[in-house]
Amino acid sequence: MNHQPIPCPCGSGKNLANCCQPLHQGEAARTPEQLMRSRYSAYVLQLADYLLDTWHPETRPKGMNFIDNPDWQKLEVLSSGQQGTRGQVHFKAWYTTPKGLRCLEEKSGFIKQKGRWYYHSGLILEP
């Protein structure tokens, strides 16, 4: 059997096993950008438990489903950074709908607690 590496959905250019998958399996993200990329991959792969586990308790929803999950196409990180226990990532996530290609642009906020980064909240920028 030929086992081809699966490209990571986050767009890093690495294969999934060497990129986001270790985070999906419990490894802590080192930066807010790494966490955001792994969360994008989790949306693509429909990993609800991972998304909830990496969502800050203050803003975490009670549950998730993927009924309205779009067909994610590409992630574009525009900027990222961190100061102490706070981080931010500005990104565009491209997806397709029956009406064509669309873009979600967001500035996300992250908080680090007990050595782990968590998604806290995001500001969606209108086109």
N, C-alpha and C. Protein backbone atom coordinates (compact mmCIF):
# COMPACT_ATOMS: atom_id res chain seq x y z
N MET A 1 0.84 -1.18 0.00
CA MET A 1 0.00 0.00 0.00
C MET A 1 0.88 1.24 0.00
N ASN A 2 0.43 2.25 -0.70
CA ASN A 2 1.14 3.52 -0.78
C ASN A 2 0.48 4.52 0.17
N HIS A 3 1.19 4.92 1.21
CA HIS A 3 0.66 5.87 2.19
C HIS A 3 1.26 7.25 1.91
N GLN A 4 0.52 8.06 1.19
CA GLN A 4 0.97 9.41 0.90
C GLN A 4 0.68 10.30 2.10
N PRO A 5 1.61 11.20 2.46
CA PRO A 5 1.33 12.13 3.55
C PRO A 5 0.15 13.04 3.16
N ILE A 6 -0.67 13.36 4.14
CA ILE A 6 -1.81 14.24 3.92
C ILE A 6 -1.37 15.66 4.21
N PRO A 7 -1.54 16.58 3.26
CA PRO A 7 -1.17 17.98 3.52
C PRO A 7 -2.04 18.55 4.65
N CYS A 8 -1.43 19.35 5.50
CA CYS A 8 -2.18 19.96 6.60
C CYS A 8 -3.14 21.01 6.04
N PRO A 9 -4.40 21.00 6.47
CA PRO A 9 -5.35 21.98 5.98
C PRO A 9 -4.99 23.43 6.32
N CYS A 10 -4.12 23.64 7.32
CA CYS A 10 -3.81 25.01 7.75
C CYS A 10 -2.96 25.77 6.74
N GLY A 11 -2.44 25.09 5.73
CA GLY A 11 -1.68 25.78 4.70
C GLY A 11 -0.21 26.01 5.03
N SER A 12 0.30 25.34 6.04
CA SER A 12 1.70 25.53 6.44
C SER A 12 2.68 24.96 5.41
N GLY A 13 2.19 24.04 4.57
CA GLY A 13 3.07 23.35 3.64
C GLY A 13 3.60 22.04 4.22
N LYS A 14 3.35 21.79 5.50
CA LYS A 14 3.77 20.55 6.14
C LYS A 14 2.67 19.51 5.99
N ASN A 15 3.01 18.26 6.29
CA ASN A 15 1.94 17.27 6.28
C ASN A 15 1.23 17.29 7.64
N LEU A 16 -0.01 16.82 7.65
CA LEU A 16 -0.86 16.89 8.83
C LEU A 16 -0.20 16.25 10.05
N ALA A 17 0.45 15.10 9.86
CA ALA A 17 1.06 14.38 10.98
C ALA A 17 2.19 15.17 11.64
N ASN A 18 2.82 16.07 10.91
CA ASN A 18 3.92 16.88 11.44
C ASN A 18 3.53 18.32 11.69
N CYS A 19 2.24 18.61 11.67
CA CYS A 19 1.81 19.99 11.84
C CYS A 19 0.71 20.08 12.90
N CYS A 20 -0.54 20.05 12.50
CA CYS A 20 -1.64 20.25 13.44
C CYS A 20 -2.08 18.99 14.18
N GLN A 21 -1.86 17.82 13.60
CA GLN A 21 -2.33 16.59 14.24
C GLN A 21 -1.80 16.39 15.67
N PRO A 22 -0.51 16.66 15.95
CA PRO A 22 -0.05 16.50 17.34
C PRO A 22 -0.83 17.40 18.32
N LEU A 23 -1.22 18.59 17.88
CA LEU A 23 -2.02 19.46 18.73
C LEU A 23 -3.41 18.87 18.92
N HIS A 24 -3.99 18.34 17.85
CA HIS A 24 -5.30 17.70 17.94
C HIS A 24 -5.27 16.52 18.91
N GLN A 25 -4.09 15.95 19.10
CA GLN A 25 -3.94 14.78 19.98
C GLN A 25 -3.45 15.16 21.38
N GLY A 26 -3.41 16.48 21.70
CA GLY A 26 -3.11 16.89 23.07
C GLY A 26 -1.88 17.74 23.29
N GLU A 27 -0.99 17.85 22.31
CA GLU A 27 0.19 18.69 22.47
C GLU A 27 -0.25 20.16 22.57
N ALA A 28 0.41 20.93 23.42
CA ALA A 28 0.06 22.34 23.59
C ALA A 28 0.66 23.19 22.46
N ALA A 29 -0.14 24.13 21.96
CA ALA A 29 0.36 25.07 20.95
C ALA A 29 1.38 26.01 21.60
N ARG A 30 2.43 26.33 20.86
CA ARG A 30 3.48 27.21 21.38
C ARG A 30 3.13 28.69 21.21
N THR A 31 2.29 29.00 20.22
CA THR A 31 1.95 30.39 19.93
C THR A 31 0.45 30.50 19.61
N PRO A 32 -0.11 31.71 19.69
CA PRO A 32 -1.50 31.89 19.28
C PRO A 32 -1.72 31.50 17.80
N GLU A 33 -0.75 31.82 16.94
CA GLU A 33 -0.91 31.46 15.53
C GLU A 33 -0.95 29.95 15.34
N GLN A 34 -0.11 29.22 16.05
CA GLN A 34 -0.12 27.77 15.93
C GLN A 34 -1.47 27.21 16.39
N LEU A 35 -2.02 27.77 17.48
CA LEU A 35 -3.32 27.32 17.94
C LEU A 35 -4.40 27.65 16.92
N MET A 36 -4.35 28.87 16.38
CA MET A 36 -5.37 29.27 15.40
C MET A 36 -5.32 28.38 14.17
N ARG A 37 -4.12 28.07 13.69
CA ARG A 37 -3.99 27.18 12.53
C ARG A 37 -4.56 25.79 12.84
N SER A 38 -4.29 25.29 14.05
CA SER A 38 -4.80 23.97 14.42
C SER A 38 -6.32 23.99 14.56
N ARG A 39 -6.87 25.12 14.99
CA ARG A 39 -8.32 25.24 15.10
C ARG A 39 -8.96 25.31 13.71
N TYR A 40 -8.31 26.02 12.78
CA TYR A 40 -8.82 26.03 11.40
C TYR A 40 -8.85 24.60 10.86
N SER A 41 -7.75 23.87 11.05
CA SER A 41 -7.69 22.47 10.59
C SER A 41 -8.78 21.64 11.27
N ALA A 42 -9.06 21.93 12.54
CA ALA A 42 -10.10 21.19 13.26
C ALA A 42 -11.49 21.48 12.67
N TYR A 43 -11.71 22.70 12.20
CA TYR A 43 -12.98 22.99 11.51
C TYR A 43 -13.06 22.19 10.22
N VAL A 44 -11.97 22.16 9.46
CA VAL A 44 -11.95 21.40 8.21
C VAL A 44 -12.23 19.92 8.48
N LEU A 45 -11.59 19.39 9.53
CA LEU A 45 -11.68 17.97 9.85
C LEU A 45 -12.87 17.64 10.78
N GLN A 46 -13.61 18.66 11.17
CA GLN A 46 -14.79 18.53 12.03
C GLN A 46 -14.46 17.85 13.37
N LEU A 47 -13.48 18.41 14.06
CA LEU A 47 -13.04 17.90 15.36
C LEU A 47 -13.64 18.76 16.48
N ALA A 48 -14.91 18.54 16.79
CA ALA A 48 -15.63 19.37 17.75
C ALA A 48 -14.99 19.36 19.13
N ASP A 49 -14.56 18.20 19.61
CA ASP A 49 -13.97 18.13 20.96
C ASP A 49 -12.72 19.00 21.06
N TYR A 50 -11.89 18.97 20.02
CA TYR A 50 -10.68 19.80 20.04
C TYR A 50 -11.04 21.28 20.06
N LEU A 51 -12.00 21.67 19.25
CA LEU A 51 -12.40 23.08 19.21
C LEU A 51 -12.92 23.53 20.57
N LEU A 52 -13.74 22.73 21.21
CA LEU A 52 -14.26 23.08 22.53
C LEU A 52 -13.15 23.09 23.58
N ASP A 53 -12.24 22.13 23.52
CA ASP A 53 -11.14 22.05 24.49
C ASP A 53 -10.19 23.24 24.39
N THR A 54 -10.08 23.84 23.22
CA THR A 54 -9.14 24.96 23.03
C THR A 54 -9.85 26.31 23.05
N TRP A 55 -11.11 26.32 23.44
CA TRP A 55 -11.91 27.55 23.56
C TRP A 55 -11.87 27.97 25.02
N HIS A 56 -11.60 29.22 25.30
CA HIS A 56 -11.52 29.71 26.67
C HIS A 56 -12.86 29.51 27.38
N PRO A 57 -12.84 29.03 28.63
CA PRO A 57 -14.09 28.76 29.35
C PRO A 57 -15.06 29.95 29.43
N GLU A 58 -14.53 31.18 29.46
CA GLU A 58 -15.41 32.36 29.54
C GLU A 58 -16.32 32.51 28.33
N THR A 59 -15.87 32.04 27.18
CA THR A 59 -16.63 32.28 25.94
C THR A 59 -17.00 30.99 25.21
N ARG A 60 -16.66 29.85 25.76
CA ARG A 60 -16.88 28.55 25.11
C ARG A 60 -18.38 28.25 25.00
N PRO A 61 -18.83 27.83 23.80
CA PRO A 61 -20.23 27.40 23.67
C PRO A 61 -20.42 26.05 24.37
N LYS A 62 -21.67 25.71 24.64
CA LYS A 62 -21.97 24.44 25.32
C LYS A 62 -21.68 23.24 24.42
N GLY A 63 -21.80 23.41 23.13
CA GLY A 63 -21.56 22.31 22.20
C GLY A 63 -21.39 22.85 20.79
N MET A 64 -21.09 21.96 19.89
CA MET A 64 -20.89 22.34 18.48
C MET A 64 -21.46 21.26 17.59
N ASN A 65 -21.90 21.70 16.43
CA ASN A 65 -22.21 20.75 15.36
C ASN A 65 -21.70 21.36 14.07
N PHE A 66 -21.64 20.56 13.06
CA PHE A 66 -21.08 21.02 11.78
C PHE A 66 -22.14 21.05 10.69
N ILE A 67 -23.40 21.23 11.09
CA ILE A 67 -24.50 21.25 10.13
C ILE A 67 -24.30 22.35 9.09
N ASP A 68 -23.89 23.54 9.55
CA ASP A 68 -23.69 24.66 8.63
C ASP A 68 -22.22 24.90 8.32
N ASN A 69 -21.36 23.93 8.58
CA ASN A 69 -19.93 24.08 8.33
C ASN A 69 -19.69 24.22 6.83
N PRO A 70 -19.07 25.33 6.42
CA PRO A 70 -18.83 25.50 4.98
C PRO A 70 -17.71 24.59 4.48
N ASP A 71 -17.51 24.61 3.20
CA ASP A 71 -16.43 23.85 2.56
C ASP A 71 -15.17 24.74 2.59
N TRP A 72 -14.39 24.61 3.65
CA TRP A 72 -13.20 25.45 3.84
C TRP A 72 -12.17 25.14 2.76
N GLN A 73 -11.57 26.19 2.20
CA GLN A 73 -10.63 26.05 1.09
C GLN A 73 -9.20 26.42 1.43
N LYS A 74 -9.03 27.52 2.20
CA LYS A 74 -7.67 28.04 2.37
C LYS A 74 -7.64 28.99 3.57
N LEU A 75 -6.52 28.96 4.28
CA LEU A 75 -6.28 29.87 5.39
C LEU A 75 -5.15 30.81 5.02
N GLU A 76 -5.34 32.08 5.32
CA GLU A 76 -4.32 33.10 5.06
C GLU A 76 -4.12 33.90 6.35
N VAL A 77 -2.96 33.75 7.00
CA VAL A 77 -2.66 34.51 8.22
C VAL A 77 -2.05 35.83 7.80
N LEU A 78 -2.70 36.93 8.19
CA LEU A 78 -2.23 38.26 7.82
C LEU A 78 -1.24 38.82 8.84
N SER A 79 -1.48 38.54 10.13
CA SER A 79 -0.55 38.96 11.18
C SER A 79 -0.85 38.18 12.44
N SER A 80 0.15 38.09 13.31
CA SER A 80 -0.04 37.43 14.60
C SER A 80 1.00 37.95 15.57
N GLY A 81 0.69 37.82 16.85
CA GLY A 81 1.64 38.26 17.86
C GLY A 81 1.15 37.93 19.25
N GLN A 82 2.01 38.18 20.22
CA GLN A 82 1.64 37.91 21.60
C GLN A 82 2.43 38.82 22.52
N GLN A 83 1.81 39.17 23.64
CA GLN A 83 2.47 39.91 24.72
C GLN A 83 2.04 39.26 26.01
N GLY A 84 2.97 38.61 26.67
CA GLY A 84 2.64 37.93 27.92
C GLY A 84 1.63 36.82 27.69
N THR A 85 0.49 36.92 28.37
CA THR A 85 -0.54 35.88 28.29
C THR A 85 -1.66 36.24 27.32
N ARG A 86 -1.45 37.27 26.51
CA ARG A 86 -2.45 37.67 25.51
C ARG A 86 -1.85 37.54 24.11
N GLY A 87 -2.68 37.11 23.17
CA GLY A 87 -2.22 36.97 21.80
C GLY A 87 -3.31 37.35 20.83
N GLN A 88 -2.92 37.60 19.59
CA GLN A 88 -3.89 37.93 18.57
C GLN A 88 -3.43 37.38 17.21
N VAL A 89 -4.42 37.04 16.39
CA VAL A 89 -4.16 36.57 15.03
C VAL A 89 -5.20 37.21 14.12
N HIS A 90 -4.73 37.82 13.06
CA HIS A 90 -5.61 38.39 12.04
C HIS A 90 -5.50 37.47 10.83
N PHE A 91 -6.65 36.94 10.39
CA PHE A 91 -6.61 35.96 9.31
C PHE A 91 -7.79 36.11 8.37
N LYS A 92 -7.64 35.46 7.22
CA LYS A 92 -8.73 35.28 6.27
C LYS A 92 -8.87 33.78 6.03
N ALA A 93 -10.09 33.30 6.12
CA ALA A 93 -10.39 31.90 5.85
C ALA A 93 -11.34 31.85 4.66
N TRP A 94 -10.93 31.20 3.61
CA TRP A 94 -11.70 31.14 2.36
C TRP A 94 -12.53 29.86 2.33
N TYR A 95 -13.76 29.97 1.86
CA TYR A 95 -14.66 28.82 1.79
C TYR A 95 -15.58 28.98 0.59
N THR A 96 -16.16 27.86 0.16
CA THR A 96 -17.09 27.92 -0.97
C THR A 96 -18.51 27.65 -0.49
N THR A 97 -19.42 28.28 -1.19
CA THR A 97 -20.86 28.10 -0.98
C THR A 97 -21.46 27.88 -2.36
N PRO A 98 -22.75 27.56 -2.43
CA PRO A 98 -23.38 27.44 -3.75
C PRO A 98 -23.26 28.74 -4.57
N LYS A 99 -23.06 29.86 -3.89
CA LYS A 99 -22.92 31.16 -4.58
C LYS A 99 -21.48 31.48 -4.95
N GLY A 100 -20.54 30.59 -4.62
CA GLY A 100 -19.15 30.81 -5.00
C GLY A 100 -18.22 30.96 -3.81
N LEU A 101 -17.01 31.45 -4.09
CA LEU A 101 -15.96 31.61 -3.08
C LEU A 101 -16.28 32.80 -2.18
N ARG A 102 -16.14 32.60 -0.87
CA ARG A 102 -16.37 33.63 0.13
C ARG A 102 -15.18 33.68 1.07
N CYS A 103 -15.12 34.76 1.86
CA CYS A 103 -14.01 34.95 2.79
C CYS A 103 -14.53 35.39 4.16
N LEU A 104 -14.02 34.76 5.20
CA LEU A 104 -14.25 35.18 6.57
C LEU A 104 -12.96 35.83 7.04
N GLU A 105 -13.03 37.11 7.40
CA GLU A 105 -11.85 37.80 7.93
C GLU A 105 -12.10 38.09 9.40
N GLU A 106 -11.15 37.71 10.24
CA GLU A 106 -11.34 37.85 11.69
C GLU A 106 -10.04 38.26 12.36
N LYS A 107 -10.18 39.06 13.41
CA LYS A 107 -9.10 39.33 14.34
C LYS A 107 -9.45 38.58 15.62
N SER A 108 -8.69 37.52 15.91
CA SER A 108 -8.97 36.65 17.04
C SER A 108 -8.09 36.99 18.23
N GLY A 109 -8.68 36.86 19.42
CA GLY A 109 -7.94 37.07 20.65
C GLY A 109 -7.73 35.76 21.38
N PHE A 110 -6.54 35.59 21.95
CA PHE A 110 -6.16 34.36 22.65
C PHE A 110 -5.63 34.69 24.03
N ILE A 111 -5.84 33.77 24.96
CA ILE A 111 -5.36 33.90 26.33
C ILE A 111 -4.58 32.65 26.69
N LYS A 112 -3.44 32.85 27.37
CA LYS A 112 -2.64 31.71 27.83
C LYS A 112 -2.88 31.52 29.31
N GLN A 113 -3.25 30.28 29.67
CA GLN A 113 -3.46 29.92 31.08
C GLN A 113 -2.83 28.56 31.34
N LYS A 114 -2.13 28.45 32.45
CA LYS A 114 -1.51 27.19 32.86
C LYS A 114 -0.72 26.55 31.71
N GLY A 115 0.02 27.39 30.97
CA GLY A 115 0.89 26.89 29.92
C GLY A 115 0.22 26.54 28.60
N ARG A 116 -1.09 26.83 28.47
CA ARG A 116 -1.81 26.51 27.23
C ARG A 116 -2.50 27.75 26.69
N TRP A 117 -2.48 27.87 25.36
CA TRP A 117 -3.21 28.95 24.69
C TRP A 117 -4.66 28.50 24.44
N TYR A 118 -5.58 29.47 24.57
CA TYR A 118 -7.00 29.25 24.31
C TYR A 118 -7.54 30.37 23.43
N TYR A 119 -8.41 30.00 22.51
CA TYR A 119 -9.14 31.01 21.74
C TYR A 119 -10.14 31.66 22.69
N HIS A 120 -10.16 32.99 22.71
CA HIS A 120 -11.10 33.70 23.59
C HIS A 120 -12.27 34.28 22.80
N SER A 121 -11.96 35.12 21.83
CA SER A 121 -13.03 35.75 21.07
C SER A 121 -12.47 36.32 19.78
N GLY A 122 -13.37 36.66 18.87
CA GLY A 122 -12.95 37.21 17.60
C GLY A 122 -13.83 38.33 17.12
N LEU A 123 -13.23 39.23 16.39
CA LEU A 123 -13.95 40.33 15.76
C LEU A 123 -13.98 40.03 14.26
N ILE A 124 -15.17 39.78 13.74
CA ILE A 124 -15.32 39.50 12.30
C ILE A 124 -15.36 40.82 11.57
N LEU A 125 -14.51 40.96 10.57
CA LEU A 125 -14.42 42.18 9.78
C LEU A 125 -15.29 42.00 8.54
N GLU A 126 -16.18 42.94 8.33
CA GLU A 126 -17.06 42.87 7.17
C GLU A 126 -16.30 43.32 5.92
N PRO A 127 -16.58 42.68 4.78
CA PRO A 127 -15.88 43.05 3.54
C PRO A 127 -16.27 44.44 3.06
